[in-house]
Amino acid sequence: MPSTPRTANRTPRLRQPISTPVADDEQLTIKEVCALLKIARSTFSDWRDRGEAPPCIRLPNNSVRVSRSALNRWLSARPEAA
């Protein structure tokens, strides 16, 4: 007697499409962000503590990244020093 496949009664799971990041949406490390901005790591940490840093993403391995597009938006929103 032929058996039916076990997946025959299951509802297929919908998968979210994996979008490939565009060059503008590169994920930068904090070290790379500090090098671009020419600031010390401690300065970036102070900004994060005060809520003034660009939006960061914490990855499952606990490392922190900043998307280049978020950094560019953050920079363009900064007022010029008088």
PDB file of N, CA and C in Angstrom:
ATOM      1  N   MET A   1       0.846  -1.172   0.000  1.00  0.00           N
ATOM      2  CA  MET A   1       0.000   0.000   0.000  1.00  0.00           C
ATOM      3  C   MET A   1       0.894   1.240   0.000  1.00  0.00           C
ATOM      4  N   PRO A   2       0.752   2.120  -1.011  1.00  0.00           N
ATOM      5  CA  PRO A   2       1.596   3.318  -1.092  1.00  0.00           C
ATOM      6  C   PRO A   2       1.200   4.332  -0.021  1.00  0.00           C
ATOM      7  N   SER A   3       2.184   4.918   0.570  1.00  0.00           N
ATOM      8  CA  SER A   3       1.904   5.931   1.602  1.00  0.00           C
ATOM      9  C   SER A   3       1.911   7.317   0.977  1.00  0.00           C
ATOM     10  N   THR A   4       1.142   8.195   1.545  1.00  0.00           N
ATOM     11  CA  THR A   4       1.110   9.575   1.055  1.00  0.00           C
ATOM     12  C   THR A   4       2.257  10.339   1.702  1.00  0.00           C
ATOM     13  N   PRO A   5       2.805  11.281   1.005  1.00  0.00           N
ATOM     14  CA  PRO A   5       3.885  12.065   1.610  1.00  0.00           C
ATOM     15  C   PRO A   5       3.406  12.792   2.858  1.00  0.00           C
ATOM     16  N   ARG A   6       4.284  12.904   3.831  1.00  0.00           N
ATOM     17  CA  ARG A   6       3.917  13.529   5.101  1.00  0.00           C
ATOM     18  C   ARG A   6       3.563  14.992   4.934  1.00  0.00           C
ATOM     19  N   THR A   7       4.043  15.608   3.895  1.00  0.00           N
ATOM     20  CA  THR A   7       3.778  17.032   3.694  1.00  0.00           C
ATOM     21  C   THR A   7       2.450  17.284   2.989  1.00  0.00           C
ATOM     22  N   ALA A   8       1.747  16.236   2.614  1.00  0.00           N
ATOM     23  CA  ALA A   8       0.514  16.410   1.853  1.00  0.00           C
ATOM     24  C   ALA A   8      -0.550  17.149   2.654  1.00  0.00           C
ATOM     25  N   ASN A   9      -0.579  16.968   3.964  1.00  0.00           N
ATOM     26  CA  ASN A   9      -1.617  17.590   4.782  1.00  0.00           C
ATOM     27  C   ASN A   9      -1.167  18.894   5.427  1.00  0.00           C
ATOM     28  N   ARG A  10       0.036  19.265   5.186  1.00  0.00           N
ATOM     29  CA  ARG A  10       0.551  20.501   5.798  1.00  0.00           C
ATOM     30  C   ARG A  10       0.281  21.703   4.921  1.00  0.00           C
ATOM     31  N   THR A  11       0.053  22.817   5.590  1.00  0.00           N
ATOM     32  CA  THR A  11      -0.082  24.081   4.883  1.00  0.00           C
ATOM     33  C   THR A  11       1.319  24.619   4.626  1.00  0.00           C
ATOM     34  N   PRO A  12       1.620  24.992   3.397  1.00  0.00           N
ATOM     35  CA  PRO A  12       2.974  25.492   3.127  1.00  0.00           C
ATOM     36  C   PRO A  12       3.243  26.783   3.889  1.00  0.00           C
ATOM     37  N   ARG A  13       4.455  26.889   4.426  1.00  0.00           N
ATOM     38  CA  ARG A  13       4.830  28.110   5.129  1.00  0.00           C
ATOM     39  C   ARG A  13       5.165  29.189   4.118  1.00  0.00           C
ATOM     40  N   LEU A  14       4.719  30.386   4.395  1.00  0.00           N
ATOM     41  CA  LEU A  14       5.057  31.513   3.533  1.00  0.00           C
ATOM     42  C   LEU A  14       6.406  32.047   3.974  1.00  0.00           C
ATOM     43  N   ARG A  15       7.276  32.218   3.044  1.00  0.00           N
ATOM     44  CA  ARG A  15       8.599  32.735   3.354  1.00  0.00           C
ATOM     45  C   ARG A  15       8.719  34.168   2.873  1.00  0.00           C
ATOM     46  N   GLN A  16       9.369  34.942   3.687  1.00  0.00           N
ATOM     47  CA  GLN A  16       9.627  36.324   3.303  1.00  0.00           C
ATOM     48  C   GLN A  16      10.759  36.325   2.283  1.00  0.00           C
ATOM     49  N   PRO A  17      10.629  37.076   1.216  1.00  0.00           N
ATOM     50  CA  PRO A  17      11.734  37.128   0.258  1.00  0.00           C
ATOM     51  C   PRO A  17      12.951  37.788   0.899  1.00  0.00           C
ATOM     52  N   ILE A  18      14.083  37.249   0.599  1.00  0.00           N
ATOM     53  CA  ILE A  18      15.319  37.838   1.108  1.00  0.00           C
ATOM     54  C   ILE A  18      15.773  38.877   0.106  1.00  0.00           C
ATOM     55  N   SER A  19      15.771  40.098   0.551  1.00  0.00           N
ATOM     56  CA  SER A  19      16.185  41.160  -0.359  1.00  0.00           C
ATOM     57  C   SER A  19      17.688  41.347  -0.243  1.00  0.00           C
ATOM     58  N   THR A  20      18.307  41.493  -1.355  1.00  0.00           N
ATOM     59  CA  THR A  20      19.745  41.721  -1.340  1.00  0.00           C
ATOM     60  C   THR A  20      19.993  43.193  -1.078  1.00  0.00           C
ATOM     61  N   PRO A  21      20.918  43.493  -0.174  1.00  0.00           N
ATOM     62  CA  PRO A  21      21.155  44.901   0.139  1.00  0.00           C
ATOM     63  C   PRO A  21      21.768  45.636  -1.045  1.00  0.00           C
ATOM     64  N   VAL A  22      21.325  46.846  -1.222  1.00  0.00           N
ATOM     65  CA  VAL A  22      21.866  47.684  -2.279  1.00  0.00           C
ATOM     66  C   VAL A  22      23.173  48.285  -1.757  1.00  0.00           C
ATOM     67  N   ALA A  23      24.008  48.733  -2.630  1.00  0.00           N
ATOM     68  CA  ALA A  23      25.300  49.295  -2.216  1.00  0.00           C
ATOM     69  C   ALA A  23      25.110  50.426  -1.207  1.00  0.00           C
ATOM     70  N   ASP A  24      24.046  51.205  -1.357  1.00  0.00           N
ATOM     71  CA  ASP A  24      23.798  52.316  -0.446  1.00  0.00           C
ATOM     72  C   ASP A  24      23.360  51.819   0.926  1.00  0.00           C
ATOM     73  N   ASP A  25      22.894  50.569   1.009  1.00  0.00           N
ATOM     74  CA  ASP A  25      22.405  50.057   2.281  1.00  0.00           C
ATOM     75  C   ASP A  25      23.389  49.081   2.916  1.00  0.00           C
ATOM     76  N   GLU A  26      24.655  49.291   2.668  1.00  0.00           N
ATOM     77  CA  GLU A  26      25.704  48.469   3.251  1.00  0.00           C
ATOM     78  C   GLU A  26      25.657  48.590   4.769  1.00  0.00           C
ATOM     79  N   GLN A  27      25.869  47.485   5.465  1.00  0.00           N
ATOM     80  CA  GLN A  27      25.880  47.481   6.920  1.00  0.00           C
ATOM     81  C   GLN A  27      27.300  47.736   7.413  1.00  0.00           C
ATOM     82  N   LEU A  28      27.492  48.849   8.103  1.00  0.00           N
ATOM     83  CA  LEU A  28      28.810  49.253   8.572  1.00  0.00           C
ATOM     84  C   LEU A  28      29.006  48.871  10.033  1.00  0.00           C
ATOM     85  N   THR A  29      30.215  48.470  10.374  1.00  0.00           N
ATOM     86  CA  THR A  29      30.545  48.232  11.771  1.00  0.00           C
ATOM     87  C   THR A  29      30.733  49.579  12.462  1.00  0.00           C
ATOM     88  N   ILE A  30      30.734  49.555  13.784  1.00  0.00           N
ATOM     89  CA  ILE A  30      30.945  50.788  14.538  1.00  0.00           C
ATOM     90  C   ILE A  30      32.353  51.332  14.250  1.00  0.00           C
ATOM     91  N   LYS A  31      33.306  50.440  14.102  1.00  0.00           N
ATOM     92  CA  LYS A  31      34.679  50.859  13.776  1.00  0.00           C
ATOM     93  C   LYS A  31      34.712  51.602  12.442  1.00  0.00           C
ATOM     94  N   GLU A  32      33.962  51.106  11.445  1.00  0.00           N
ATOM     95  CA  GLU A  32      33.912  51.765  10.134  1.00  0.00           C
ATOM     96  C   GLU A  32      33.217  53.117  10.224  1.00  0.00           C
ATOM     97  N   VAL A  33      32.138  53.186  11.003  1.00  0.00           N
ATOM     98  CA  VAL A  33      31.418  54.458  11.173  1.00  0.00           C
ATOM     99  C   VAL A  33      32.334  55.485  11.836  1.00  0.00           C
ATOM    100  N   CYS A  34      33.049  55.056  12.881  1.00  0.00           N
ATOM    101  CA  CYS A  34      33.958  55.975  13.572  1.00  0.00           C
ATOM    102  C   CYS A  34      35.067  56.452  12.642  1.00  0.00           C
ATOM    103  N   ALA A  35      35.561  55.560  11.779  1.00  0.00           N
ATOM    104  CA  ALA A  35      36.606  55.966  10.831  1.00  0.00           C
ATOM    105  C   ALA A  35      36.053  56.963   9.819  1.00  0.00           C
ATOM    106  N   LEU A  36      34.830  56.737   9.334  1.00  0.00           N
ATOM    107  CA  LEU A  36      34.219  57.668   8.377  1.00  0.00           C
ATOM    108  C   LEU A  36      34.000  59.047   8.995  1.00  0.00           C
ATOM    109  N   LEU A  37      33.548  59.058  10.248  1.00  0.00           N
ATOM    110  CA  LEU A  37      33.244  60.324  10.917  1.00  0.00           C
ATOM    111  C   LEU A  37      34.475  60.943  11.577  1.00  0.00           C
ATOM    112  N   LYS A  38      35.573  60.185  11.597  1.00  0.00           N
ATOM    113  CA  LYS A  38      36.822  60.625  12.232  1.00  0.00           C
ATOM    114  C   LYS A  38      36.596  60.990  13.694  1.00  0.00           C
ATOM    115  N   ILE A  39      35.975  60.048  14.409  1.00  0.00           N
ATOM    116  CA  ILE A  39      35.714  60.213  15.837  1.00  0.00           C
ATOM    117  C   ILE A  39      36.237  58.982  16.575  1.00  0.00           C
ATOM    118  N   ALA A  40      36.395  59.117  17.876  1.00  0.00           N
ATOM    119  CA  ALA A  40      36.808  57.993  18.715  1.00  0.00           C
ATOM    120  C   ALA A  40      35.604  57.090  18.998  1.00  0.00           C
ATOM    121  N   ARG A  41      35.893  55.844  19.265  1.00  0.00           N
ATOM    122  CA  ARG A  41      34.838  54.884  19.608  1.00  0.00           C
ATOM    123  C   ARG A  41      34.080  55.353  20.851  1.00  0.00           C
ATOM    124  N   SER A  42      34.792  55.937  21.801  1.00  0.00           N
ATOM    125  CA  SER A  42      34.146  56.418  23.027  1.00  0.00           C
ATOM    126  C   SER A  42      33.150  57.544  22.728  1.00  0.00           C
ATOM    127  N   THR A  43      33.447  58.366  21.735  1.00  0.00           N
ATOM    128  CA  THR A  43      32.519  59.428  21.337  1.00  0.00           C
ATOM    129  C   THR A  43      31.233  58.813  20.805  1.00  0.00           C
ATOM    130  N   PHE A  44      31.367  57.789  19.945  1.00  0.00           N
ATOM    131  CA  PHE A  44      30.178  57.127  19.412  1.00  0.00           C
ATOM    132  C   PHE A  44      29.374  56.492  20.543  1.00  0.00           C
ATOM    133  N   SER A  45      30.063  55.871  21.498  1.00  0.00           N
ATOM    134  CA  SER A  45      29.369  55.255  22.644  1.00  0.00           C
ATOM    135  C   SER A  45      28.631  56.309  23.459  1.00  0.00           C
ATOM    136  N   ASP A  46      29.255  57.458  23.654  1.00  0.00           N
ATOM    137  CA  ASP A  46      28.590  58.561  24.374  1.00  0.00           C
ATOM    138  C   ASP A  46      27.337  59.007  23.629  1.00  0.00           C
ATOM    139  N   TRP A  47      27.432  59.134  22.305  1.00  0.00           N
ATOM    140  CA  TRP A  47      26.266  59.519  21.501  1.00  0.00           C
ATOM    141  C   TRP A  47      25.144  58.494  21.652  1.00  0.00           C
ATOM    142  N   ARG A  48      25.507  57.204  21.610  1.00  0.00           N
ATOM    143  CA  ARG A  48      24.481  56.154  21.761  1.00  0.00           C
ATOM    144  C   ARG A  48      23.823  56.228  23.126  1.00  0.00           C
ATOM    145  N   ASP A  49      24.630  56.455  24.180  1.00  0.00           N
ATOM    146  CA  ASP A  49      24.086  56.556  25.541  1.00  0.00           C
ATOM    147  C   ASP A  49      23.102  57.703  25.669  1.00  0.00           C
ATOM    148  N   ARG A  50      23.369  58.808  24.946  1.00  0.00           N
ATOM    149  CA  ARG A  50      22.486  59.984  24.996  1.00  0.00           C
ATOM    150  C   ARG A  50      21.361  59.924  23.964  1.00  0.00           C
ATOM    151  N   GLY A  51      21.361  58.877  23.123  1.00  0.00           N
ATOM    152  CA  GLY A  51      20.328  58.757  22.101  1.00  0.00           C
ATOM    153  C   GLY A  51      20.549  59.675  20.915  1.00  0.00           C
ATOM    154  N   GLU A  52      21.787  60.096  20.694  1.00  0.00           N
ATOM    155  CA  GLU A  52      22.102  61.027  19.614  1.00  0.00           C
ATOM    156  C   GLU A  52      22.818  60.376  18.438  1.00  0.00           C
ATOM    157  N   ALA A  53      23.085  59.089  18.526  1.00  0.00           N
ATOM    158  CA  ALA A  53      23.817  58.384  17.464  1.00  0.00           C
ATOM    159  C   ALA A  53      22.866  57.987  16.333  1.00  0.00           C
ATOM    160  N   PRO A  54      23.414  57.658  15.175  1.00  0.00           N
ATOM    161  CA  PRO A  54      22.556  57.155  14.101  1.00  0.00           C
ATOM    162  C   PRO A  54      21.910  55.838  14.521  1.00  0.00           C
ATOM    163  N   PRO A  55      20.762  55.493  13.928  1.00  0.00           N
ATOM    164  CA  PRO A  55      20.079  54.255  14.302  1.00  0.00           C
ATOM    165  C   PRO A  55      20.976  53.039  14.081  1.00  0.00           C
ATOM    166  N   CYS A  56      21.031  52.191  15.086  1.00  0.00           N
ATOM    167  CA  CYS A  56      21.871  50.999  15.038  1.00  0.00           C
ATOM    168  C   CYS A  56      21.010  49.738  15.010  1.00  0.00           C
ATOM    169  N   ILE A  57      21.595  48.684  14.485  1.00  0.00           N
ATOM    170  CA  ILE A  57      20.932  47.385  14.419  1.00  0.00           C
ATOM    171  C   ILE A  57      21.795  46.402  15.194  1.00  0.00           C
ATOM    172  N   ARG A  58      21.187  45.670  16.136  1.00  0.00           N
ATOM    173  CA  ARG A  58      21.925  44.643  16.862  1.00  0.00           C
ATOM    174  C   ARG A  58      21.638  43.308  16.193  1.00  0.00           C
ATOM    175  N   LEU A  59      22.689  42.648  15.765  1.00  0.00           N
ATOM    176  CA  LEU A  59      22.582  41.359  15.089  1.00  0.00           C
ATOM    177  C   LEU A  59      22.465  40.229  16.109  1.00  0.00           C
ATOM    178  N   PRO A  60      22.021  39.038  15.667  1.00  0.00           N
ATOM    179  CA  PRO A  60      21.895  37.915  16.601  1.00  0.00           C
ATOM    180  C   PRO A  60      23.202  37.548  17.305  1.00  0.00           C
ATOM    181  N   ASN A  61      24.343  37.824  16.698  1.00  0.00           N
ATOM    182  CA  ASN A  61      25.616  37.523  17.358  1.00  0.00           C
ATOM    183  C   ASN A  61      26.050  38.650  18.294  1.00  0.00           C
ATOM    184  N   ASN A  62      25.144  39.579  18.543  1.00  0.00           N
ATOM    185  CA  ASN A  62      25.315  40.699  19.474  1.00  0.00           C
ATOM    186  C   ASN A  62      26.207  41.819  18.949  1.00  0.00           C
ATOM    187  N   SER A  63      26.626  41.762  17.706  1.00  0.00           N
ATOM    188  CA  SER A  63      27.396  42.880  17.154  1.00  0.00           C
ATOM    189  C   SER A  63      26.423  43.950  16.654  1.00  0.00           C
ATOM    190  N   VAL A  64      26.932  45.159  16.554  1.00  0.00           N
ATOM    191  CA  VAL A  64      26.093  46.306  16.191  1.00  0.00           C
ATOM    192  C   VAL A  64      26.508  46.796  14.812  1.00  0.00           C
ATOM    193  N   ARG A  65      25.512  47.142  13.995  1.00  0.00           N
ATOM    194  CA  ARG A  65      25.762  47.665  12.651  1.00  0.00           C
ATOM    195  C   ARG A  65      24.925  48.917  12.435  1.00  0.00           C
ATOM    196  N   VAL A  66      25.400  49.746  11.515  1.00  0.00           N
ATOM    197  CA  VAL A  66      24.679  50.956  11.093  1.00  0.00           C
ATOM    198  C   VAL A  66      24.581  50.883   9.580  1.00  0.00           C
ATOM    199  N   SER A  67      23.374  50.987   9.048  1.00  0.00           N
ATOM    200  CA  SER A  67      23.254  50.961   7.591  1.00  0.00           C
ATOM    201  C   SER A  67      23.750  52.288   7.028  1.00  0.00           C
ATOM    202  N   ARG A  68      24.374  52.204   5.874  1.00  0.00           N
ATOM    203  CA  ARG A  68      24.927  53.415   5.260  1.00  0.00           C
ATOM    204  C   ARG A  68      23.820  54.418   4.967  1.00  0.00           C
ATOM    205  N   SER A  69      22.657  53.954   4.535  1.00  0.00           N
ATOM    206  CA  SER A  69      21.555  54.887   4.241  1.00  0.00           C
ATOM    207  C   SER A  69      21.076  55.578   5.518  1.00  0.00           C
ATOM    208  N   ALA A  70      21.023  54.853   6.648  1.00  0.00           N
ATOM    209  CA  ALA A  70      20.617  55.470   7.915  1.00  0.00           C
ATOM    210  C   ALA A  70      21.658  56.489   8.370  1.00  0.00           C
ATOM    211  N   LEU A  71      22.929  56.160   8.162  1.00  0.00           N
ATOM    212  CA  LEU A  71      23.996  57.100   8.515  1.00  0.00           C
ATOM    213  C   LEU A  71      23.907  58.360   7.664  1.00  0.00           C
ATOM    214  N   ASN A  72      23.645  58.202   6.370  1.00  0.00           N
ATOM    215  CA  ASN A  72      23.523  59.372   5.486  1.00  0.00           C
ATOM    216  C   ASN A  72      22.333  60.246   5.879  1.00  0.00           C
ATOM    217  N   ARG A  73      21.192  59.607   6.218  1.00  0.00           N
ATOM    218  CA  ARG A  73      20.022  60.375   6.664  1.00  0.00           C
ATOM    219  C   ARG A  73      20.326  61.110   7.966  1.00  0.00           C
ATOM    220  N   TRP A  74      21.007  60.419   8.878  1.00  0.00           N
ATOM    221  CA  TRP A  74      21.359  61.007  10.164  1.00  0.00           C
ATOM    222  C   TRP A  74      22.278  62.209   9.972  1.00  0.00           C
ATOM    223  N   LEU A  75      23.265  62.056   9.092  1.00  0.00           N
ATOM    224  CA  LEU A  75      24.189  63.158   8.819  1.00  0.00           C
ATOM    225  C   LEU A  75      23.486  64.357   8.187  1.00  0.00           C
ATOM    226  N   SER A  76      22.574  64.102   7.262  1.00  0.00           N
ATOM    227  CA  SER A  76      21.886  65.213   6.595  1.00  0.00           C
ATOM    228  C   SER A  76      20.922  65.935   7.534  1.00  0.00           C
ATOM    229  N   ALA A  77      20.503  65.270   8.601  1.00  0.00           N
ATOM    230  CA  ALA A  77      19.587  65.889   9.568  1.00  0.00           C
ATOM    231  C   ALA A  77      20.335  66.701  10.628  1.00  0.00           C
ATOM    232  N   ARG A  78      21.664  66.566  10.674  1.00  0.00           N
ATOM    233  CA  ARG A  78      22.457  67.300  11.674  1.00  0.00           C
ATOM    234  C   ARG A  78      22.562  68.760  11.288  1.00  0.00           C
ATOM    235  N   PRO A  79      22.265  69.669  12.186  1.00  0.00           N
ATOM    236  CA  PRO A  79      22.447  71.085  11.877  1.00  0.00           C
ATOM    237  C   PRO A  79      23.939  71.425  11.850  1.00  0.00           C
ATOM    238  N   GLU A  80      24.274  72.355  10.996  1.00  0.00           N
ATOM    239  CA  GLU A  80      25.666  72.791  10.901  1.00  0.00           C
ATOM    240  C   GLU A  80      26.017  73.622  12.112  1.00  0.00           C
ATOM    241  N   ALA A  81      27.208  73.395  12.650  1.00  0.00           N
ATOM    242  CA  ALA A  81      27.634  74.160  13.835  1.00  0.00           C
ATOM    243  C   ALA A  81      27.827  75.634  13.443  1.00  0.00           C
ATOM    244  N   ALA A  82      27.399  76.506  14.329  1.00  0.00           N
ATOM    245  CA  ALA A  82      27.509  77.949  14.041  1.00  0.00           C
ATOM    246  C   ALA A  82      28.867  78.488  14.396  1.00  0.00           C
TER     247      ALA A  82
END
